[in-house]
Amino acid sequence: MLGSKEIKQGFIIDRLTNSILNTVSGDSFQTEVIRLGKSDLKYIATSKEWNFNWKEEYDEIRKEVYKIDQPL
């Protein structure tokens, strides 16, 4: 893709489950995959800790962006 750059993340997805599993401790945390809403951007888009441009991806009309949420 012209103008794109590779972004490396600091984690590995080794299997898909309905939860986040800590492979070291064995702890499991139930999760839901939910489509990202515009109101979510104010909480995550300003963080400098992400190697992902949430706002740019959200604004891309041909894409859908999802978040992983932990239900209460």
PDB file of N, CA and C in Angstrom:
ATOM      1  N   MET A   1       0.824  -1.179   0.000  1.00  0.00           N
ATOM      2  CA  MET A   1       0.000   0.000   0.000  1.00  0.00           C
ATOM      3  C   MET A   1       0.869   1.245   0.000  1.00  0.00           C
ATOM      4  N   LEU A   2       0.594   2.140  -0.878  1.00  0.00           N
ATOM      5  CA  LEU A   2       1.360   3.372  -0.967  1.00  0.00           C
ATOM      6  C   LEU A   2       1.079   4.261   0.236  1.00  0.00           C
ATOM      7  N   GLY A   3       2.107   4.736   0.888  1.00  0.00           N
ATOM      8  CA  GLY A   3       1.961   5.639   2.013  1.00  0.00           C
ATOM      9  C   GLY A   3       1.677   4.959   3.350  1.00  0.00           C
ATOM     10  N   SER A   4       1.604   3.648   3.356  1.00  0.00           N
ATOM     11  CA  SER A   4       1.352   2.973   4.633  1.00  0.00           C
ATOM     12  C   SER A   4       2.679   2.585   5.265  1.00  0.00           C
ATOM     13  N   LYS A   5       2.624   2.337   6.574  1.00  0.00           N
ATOM     14  CA  LYS A   5       3.827   1.914   7.259  1.00  0.00           C
ATOM     15  C   LYS A   5       3.485   0.735   8.159  1.00  0.00           C
ATOM     16  N   GLU A   6       4.455  -0.111   8.384  1.00  0.00           N
ATOM     17  CA  GLU A   6       4.264  -1.266   9.243  1.00  0.00           C
ATOM     18  C   GLU A   6       4.368  -0.830  10.690  1.00  0.00           C
ATOM     19  N   ILE A   7       3.404  -1.269  11.502  1.00  0.00           N
ATOM     20  CA  ILE A   7       3.404  -0.959  12.921  1.00  0.00           C
ATOM     21  C   ILE A   7       3.476  -2.278  13.669  1.00  0.00           C
ATOM     22  N   LYS A   8       4.500  -2.444  14.479  1.00  0.00           N
ATOM     23  CA  LYS A   8       4.666  -3.680  15.231  1.00  0.00           C
ATOM     24  C   LYS A   8       4.078  -3.511  16.622  1.00  0.00           C
ATOM     25  N   GLN A   9       3.329  -4.529  17.060  1.00  0.00           N
ATOM     26  CA  GLN A   9       2.713  -4.520  18.385  1.00  0.00           C
ATOM     27  C   GLN A   9       3.546  -5.375  19.331  1.00  0.00           C
ATOM     28  N   GLY A  10       3.403  -5.144  20.610  1.00  0.00           N
ATOM     29  CA  GLY A  10       4.187  -5.857  21.610  1.00  0.00           C
ATOM     30  C   GLY A  10       3.477  -7.073  22.180  1.00  0.00           C
ATOM     31  N   PHE A  11       2.661  -7.730  21.377  1.00  0.00           N
ATOM     32  CA  PHE A  11       1.969  -8.925  21.845  1.00  0.00           C
ATOM     33  C   PHE A  11       1.771  -9.885  20.689  1.00  0.00           C
ATOM     34  N   ILE A  12       1.444 -11.122  21.024  1.00  0.00           N
ATOM     35  CA  ILE A  12       1.211 -12.157  20.018  1.00  0.00           C
ATOM     36  C   ILE A  12      -0.171 -12.742  20.254  1.00  0.00           C
ATOM     37  N   ILE A  13      -0.957 -12.858  19.200  1.00  0.00           N
ATOM     38  CA  ILE A  13      -2.241 -13.548  19.286  1.00  0.00           C
ATOM     39  C   ILE A  13      -1.974 -14.994  18.910  1.00  0.00           C
ATOM     40  N   ASP A  14      -2.085 -15.892  19.906  1.00  0.00           N
ATOM     41  CA  ASP A  14      -1.764 -17.289  19.633  1.00  0.00           C
ATOM     42  C   ASP A  14      -3.008 -18.155  19.469  1.00  0.00           C
ATOM     43  N   ARG A  15      -4.158 -17.645  19.881  1.00  0.00           N
ATOM     44  CA  ARG A  15      -5.428 -18.328  19.621  1.00  0.00           C
ATOM     45  C   ARG A  15      -6.570 -17.358  19.892  1.00  0.00           C
ATOM     46  N   LEU A  16      -7.699 -17.593  19.235  1.00  0.00           N
ATOM     47  CA  LEU A  16      -8.863 -16.735  19.412  1.00  0.00           C
ATOM     48  C   LEU A  16      -9.833 -17.410  20.371  1.00  0.00           C
ATOM     49  N   THR A  17     -10.225 -16.667  21.410  1.00  0.00           N
ATOM     50  CA  THR A  17     -11.149 -17.174  22.419  1.00  0.00           C
ATOM     51  C   THR A  17     -12.143 -16.068  22.754  1.00  0.00           C
ATOM     52  N   ASN A  18     -13.086 -16.348  23.637  1.00  0.00           N
ATOM     53  CA  ASN A  18     -14.034 -15.338  24.114  1.00  0.00           C
ATOM     54  C   ASN A  18     -13.506 -14.619  25.341  1.00  0.00           C
ATOM     55  N   SER A  19     -12.223 -14.724  25.568  1.00  0.00           N
ATOM     56  CA  SER A  19     -11.631 -14.085  26.737  1.00  0.00           C
ATOM     57  C   SER A  19     -10.168 -13.763  26.459  1.00  0.00           C
ATOM     58  N   ILE A  20      -9.626 -12.940  27.339  1.00  0.00           N
ATOM     59  CA  ILE A  20      -8.184 -12.702  27.319  1.00  0.00           C
ATOM     60  C   ILE A  20      -7.585 -13.677  28.313  1.00  0.00           C
ATOM     61  N   LEU A  21      -6.615 -14.430  27.871  1.00  0.00           N
ATOM     62  CA  LEU A  21      -6.006 -15.451  28.707  1.00  0.00           C
ATOM     63  C   LEU A  21      -4.549 -15.103  28.945  1.00  0.00           C
ATOM     64  N   ASN A  22      -4.190 -14.985  30.222  1.00  0.00           N
ATOM     65  CA  ASN A  22      -2.797 -14.773  30.592  1.00  0.00           C
ATOM     66  C   ASN A  22      -2.140 -16.153  30.564  1.00  0.00           C
ATOM     67  N   THR A  23      -1.291 -16.381  29.584  1.00  0.00           N
ATOM     68  CA  THR A  23      -0.704 -17.713  29.428  1.00  0.00           C
ATOM     69  C   THR A  23       0.320 -18.046  30.506  1.00  0.00           C
ATOM     70  N   VAL A  24       0.805 -17.050  31.231  1.00  0.00           N
ATOM     71  CA  VAL A  24       1.754 -17.294  32.313  1.00  0.00           C
ATOM     72  C   VAL A  24       1.019 -17.737  33.579  1.00  0.00           C
ATOM     73  N   SER A  25      -0.011 -16.972  33.974  1.00  0.00           N
ATOM     74  CA  SER A  25      -0.722 -17.261  35.224  1.00  0.00           C
ATOM     75  C   SER A  25      -1.939 -18.165  35.034  1.00  0.00           C
ATOM     76  N   GLY A  26      -2.458 -18.217  33.809  1.00  0.00           N
ATOM     77  CA  GLY A  26      -3.666 -18.991  33.547  1.00  0.00           C
ATOM     78  C   GLY A  26      -4.950 -18.217  33.818  1.00  0.00           C
ATOM     79  N   ASP A  27      -4.833 -16.965  34.291  1.00  0.00           N
ATOM     80  CA  ASP A  27      -6.014 -16.141  34.538  1.00  0.00           C
ATOM     81  C   ASP A  27      -6.743 -15.869  33.234  1.00  0.00           C
ATOM     82  N   SER A  28      -8.072 -15.873  33.299  1.00  0.00           N
ATOM     83  CA  SER A  28      -8.904 -15.630  32.129  1.00  0.00           C
ATOM     84  C   SER A  28      -9.867 -14.489  32.431  1.00  0.00           C
ATOM     85  N   PHE A  29     -10.056 -13.573  31.489  1.00  0.00           N
ATOM     86  CA  PHE A  29     -10.921 -12.424  31.654  1.00  0.00           C
ATOM     87  C   PHE A  29     -11.914 -12.404  30.494  1.00  0.00           C
ATOM     88  N   GLN A  30     -13.209 -12.549  30.811  1.00  0.00           N
ATOM     89  CA  GLN A  30     -14.239 -12.542  29.780  1.00  0.00           C
ATOM     90  C   GLN A  30     -14.217 -11.205  29.048  1.00  0.00           C
ATOM     91  N   THR A  31     -14.449 -11.237  27.756  1.00  0.00           N
ATOM     92  CA  THR A  31     -14.420 -10.032  26.936  1.00  0.00           C
ATOM     93  C   THR A  31     -15.561 -10.036  25.939  1.00  0.00           C
ATOM     94  N   GLU A  32     -15.842  -8.863  25.423  1.00  0.00           N
ATOM     95  CA  GLU A  32     -16.792  -8.681  24.324  1.00  0.00           C
ATOM     96  C   GLU A  32     -16.087  -7.860  23.254  1.00  0.00           C
ATOM     97  N   VAL A  33     -16.351  -8.175  22.000  1.00  0.00           N
ATOM     98  CA  VAL A  33     -15.825  -7.385  20.890  1.00  0.00           C
ATOM     99  C   VAL A  33     -16.961  -6.487  20.427  1.00  0.00           C
ATOM    100  N   ILE A  34     -16.731  -5.176  20.519  1.00  0.00           N
ATOM    101  CA  ILE A  34     -17.764  -4.190  20.247  1.00  0.00           C
ATOM    102  C   ILE A  34     -17.230  -3.173  19.242  1.00  0.00           C
ATOM    103  N   ARG A  35     -18.095  -2.735  18.335  1.00  0.00           N
ATOM    104  CA  ARG A  35     -17.681  -1.715  17.369  1.00  0.00           C
ATOM    105  C   ARG A  35     -17.355  -0.417  18.109  1.00  0.00           C
ATOM    106  N   LEU A  36     -16.245   0.188  17.757  1.00  0.00           N
ATOM    107  CA  LEU A  36     -15.789   1.427  18.381  1.00  0.00           C
ATOM    108  C   LEU A  36     -16.728   2.563  18.007  1.00  0.00           C
ATOM    109  N   GLY A  37     -17.132   3.349  18.999  1.00  0.00           N
ATOM    110  CA  GLY A  37     -17.972   4.521  18.766  1.00  0.00           C
ATOM    111  C   GLY A  37     -17.148   5.791  18.827  1.00  0.00           C
ATOM    112  N   LYS A  38     -17.665   6.841  18.229  1.00  0.00           N
ATOM    113  CA  LYS A  38     -16.943   8.117  18.212  1.00  0.00           C
ATOM    114  C   LYS A  38     -16.637   8.597  19.629  1.00  0.00           C
ATOM    115  N   SER A  39     -17.553   8.361  20.565  1.00  0.00           N
ATOM    116  CA  SER A  39     -17.335   8.806  21.955  1.00  0.00           C
ATOM    117  C   SER A  39     -16.173   8.061  22.615  1.00  0.00           C
ATOM    118  N   ASP A  40     -15.832   6.860  22.120  1.00  0.00           N
ATOM    119  CA  ASP A  40     -14.697   6.105  22.668  1.00  0.00           C
ATOM    120  C   ASP A  40     -13.361   6.772  22.345  1.00  0.00           C
ATOM    121  N   LEU A  41     -13.311   7.517  21.257  1.00  0.00           N
ATOM    122  CA  LEU A  41     -12.044   8.108  20.803  1.00  0.00           C
ATOM    123  C   LEU A  41     -11.452   9.068  21.829  1.00  0.00           C
ATOM    124  N   LYS A  42     -12.290   9.783  22.561  1.00  0.00           N
ATOM    125  CA  LYS A  42     -11.746  10.760  23.521  1.00  0.00           C
ATOM    126  C   LYS A  42     -10.983  10.079  24.654  1.00  0.00           C
ATOM    127  N   TYR A  43     -11.249   8.807  24.895  1.00  0.00           N
ATOM    128  CA  TYR A  43     -10.556   8.079  25.952  1.00  0.00           C
ATOM    129  C   TYR A  43      -9.272   7.418  25.477  1.00  0.00           C
ATOM    130  N   ILE A  44      -9.203   7.079  24.202  1.00  0.00           N
ATOM    131  CA  ILE A  44      -8.040   6.310  23.741  1.00  0.00           C
ATOM    132  C   ILE A  44      -7.174   7.015  22.711  1.00  0.00           C
ATOM    133  N   ALA A  45      -7.751   7.906  21.922  1.00  0.00           N
ATOM    134  CA  ALA A  45      -7.016   8.503  20.800  1.00  0.00           C
ATOM    135  C   ALA A  45      -5.914   9.451  21.240  1.00  0.00           C
ATOM    136  N   THR A  46      -5.991   9.982  22.438  1.00  0.00           N
ATOM    137  CA  THR A  46      -4.986  10.952  22.887  1.00  0.00           C
ATOM    138  C   THR A  46      -3.801  10.299  23.590  1.00  0.00           C
ATOM    139  N   SER A  47      -3.902   9.014  23.876  1.00  0.00           N
ATOM    140  CA  SER A  47      -2.815   8.332  24.575  1.00  0.00           C
ATOM    141  C   SER A  47      -1.605   8.159  23.663  1.00  0.00           C
ATOM    142  N   LYS A  48      -0.438   8.456  24.189  1.00  0.00           N
ATOM    143  CA  LYS A  48       0.812   8.293  23.429  1.00  0.00           C
ATOM    144  C   LYS A  48       1.325   6.861  23.507  1.00  0.00           C
ATOM    145  N   GLU A  49       0.651   6.012  24.283  1.00  0.00           N
ATOM    146  CA  GLU A  49       1.114   4.639  24.491  1.00  0.00           C
ATOM    147  C   GLU A  49       0.723   3.693  23.360  1.00  0.00           C
ATOM    148  N   TRP A  50      -0.167   4.115  22.473  1.00  0.00           N
ATOM    149  CA  TRP A  50      -0.615   3.254  21.384  1.00  0.00           C
ATOM    150  C   TRP A  50       0.309   3.356  20.173  1.00  0.00           C
ATOM    151  N   ASN A  51       0.574   2.223  19.546  1.00  0.00           N
ATOM    152  CA  ASN A  51       1.257   2.188  18.250  1.00  0.00           C
ATOM    153  C   ASN A  51       0.205   1.995  17.167  1.00  0.00           C
ATOM    154  N   PHE A  52      -0.881   2.725  17.288  1.00  0.00           N
ATOM    155  CA  PHE A  52      -2.043   2.588  16.422  1.00  0.00           C
ATOM    156  C   PHE A  52      -2.768   3.915  16.422  1.00  0.00           C
ATOM    157  N   ASN A  53      -3.090   4.435  15.267  1.00  0.00           N
ATOM    158  CA  ASN A  53      -3.797   5.707  15.195  1.00  0.00           C
ATOM    159  C   ASN A  53      -5.297   5.431  15.135  1.00  0.00           C
ATOM    160  N   TRP A  54      -5.935   5.409  16.307  1.00  0.00           N
ATOM    161  CA  TRP A  54      -7.355   5.073  16.412  1.00  0.00           C
ATOM    162  C   TRP A  54      -8.220   6.026  15.604  1.00  0.00           C
ATOM    163  N   LYS A  55      -7.967   7.323  15.702  1.00  0.00           N
ATOM    164  CA  LYS A  55      -8.800   8.311  15.005  1.00  0.00           C
ATOM    165  C   LYS A  55      -8.673   8.161  13.502  1.00  0.00           C
ATOM    166  N   GLU A  56      -7.461   7.990  13.013  1.00  0.00           N
ATOM    167  CA  GLU A  56      -7.251   7.834  11.573  1.00  0.00           C
ATOM    168  C   GLU A  56      -7.986   6.593  11.063  1.00  0.00           C
ATOM    169  N   GLU A  57      -7.906   5.506  11.784  1.00  0.00           N
ATOM    170  CA  GLU A  57      -8.588   4.277  11.378  1.00  0.00           C
ATOM    171  C   GLU A  57     -10.105   4.436  11.467  1.00  0.00           C
ATOM    172  N   TYR A  58     -10.592   5.105  12.511  1.00  0.00           N
ATOM    173  CA  TYR A  58     -12.023   5.323  12.677  1.00  0.00           C
ATOM    174  C   TYR A  58     -12.581   6.198  11.549  1.00  0.00           C
ATOM    175  N   ASP A  59     -11.816   7.202  11.153  1.00  0.00           N
ATOM    176  CA  ASP A  59     -12.262   8.126  10.108  1.00  0.00           C
ATOM    177  C   ASP A  59     -12.226   7.515   8.704  1.00  0.00           C
ATOM    178  N   GLU A  60     -11.522   6.412   8.542  1.00  0.00           N
ATOM    179  CA  GLU A  60     -11.445   5.745   7.234  1.00  0.00           C
ATOM    180  C   GLU A  60     -12.800   5.106   6.941  1.00  0.00           C
ATOM    181  N   ILE A  61     -13.497   5.646   5.958  1.00  0.00           N
ATOM    182  CA  ILE A  61     -14.881   5.247   5.691  1.00  0.00           C
ATOM    183  C   ILE A  61     -15.030   3.782   5.272  1.00  0.00           C
ATOM    184  N   ARG A  62     -13.986   3.197   4.726  1.00  0.00           N
ATOM    185  CA  ARG A  62     -14.064   1.807   4.257  1.00  0.00           C
ATOM    186  C   ARG A  62     -13.749   0.789   5.352  1.00  0.00           C
ATOM    187  N   LYS A  63     -13.494   1.270   6.557  1.00  0.00           N
ATOM    188  CA  LYS A  63     -13.093   0.366   7.641  1.00  0.00           C
ATOM    189  C   LYS A  63     -14.076   0.431   8.799  1.00  0.00           C
ATOM    190  N   GLU A  64     -14.137  -0.658   9.549  1.00  0.00           N
ATOM    191  CA  GLU A  64     -14.842  -0.696  10.822  1.00  0.00           C
ATOM    192  C   GLU A  64     -13.802  -0.996  11.889  1.00  0.00           C
ATOM    193  N   VAL A  65     -13.845  -0.263  12.984  1.00  0.00           N
ATOM    194  CA  VAL A  65     -12.874  -0.445  14.062  1.00  0.00           C
ATOM    195  C   VAL A  65     -13.619  -0.999  15.277  1.00  0.00           C
ATOM    196  N   TYR A  66     -13.034  -2.016  15.878  1.00  0.00           N
ATOM    197  CA  TYR A  66     -13.644  -2.671  17.029  1.00  0.00           C
ATOM    198  C   TYR A  66     -12.740  -2.551  18.248  1.00  0.00           C
ATOM    199  N   LYS A  67     -13.351  -2.673  19.408  1.00  0.00           N
ATOM    200  CA  LYS A  67     -12.608  -2.652  20.661  1.00  0.00           C
ATOM    201  C   LYS A  67     -12.938  -3.927  21.444  1.00  0.00           C
ATOM    202  N   ILE A  68     -12.049  -4.309  22.309  1.00  0.00           N
ATOM    203  CA  ILE A  68     -12.296  -5.419  23.217  1.00  0.00           C
ATOM    204  C   ILE A  68     -12.659  -4.800  24.557  1.00  0.00           C
ATOM    205  N   ASP A  69     -13.801  -5.212  25.093  1.00  0.00           N
ATOM    206  CA  ASP A  69     -14.302  -4.640  26.329  1.00  0.00           C
ATOM    207  C   ASP A  69     -14.512  -5.753  27.344  1.00  0.00           C
ATOM    208  N   GLN A  70     -14.324  -5.439  28.591  1.00  0.00           N
ATOM    209  CA  GLN A  70     -14.564  -6.402  29.653  1.00  0.00           C
ATOM    210  C   GLN A  70     -15.917  -6.071  30.276  1.00  0.00           C
ATOM    211  N   PRO A  71     -16.915  -6.977  30.132  1.00  0.00           N
ATOM    212  CA  PRO A  71     -18.244  -6.678  30.684  1.00  0.00           C
ATOM    213  C   PRO A  71     -18.197  -6.589  32.197  1.00  0.00           C
ATOM    214  N   LEU A  72     -19.110  -5.781  32.738  1.00  0.00           N
ATOM    215  CA  LEU A  72     -19.181  -5.592  34.199  1.00  0.00           C
ATOM    216  C   LEU A  72     -19.853  -6.763  34.860  1.00  0.00           C
TER     217      LEU A  72
END
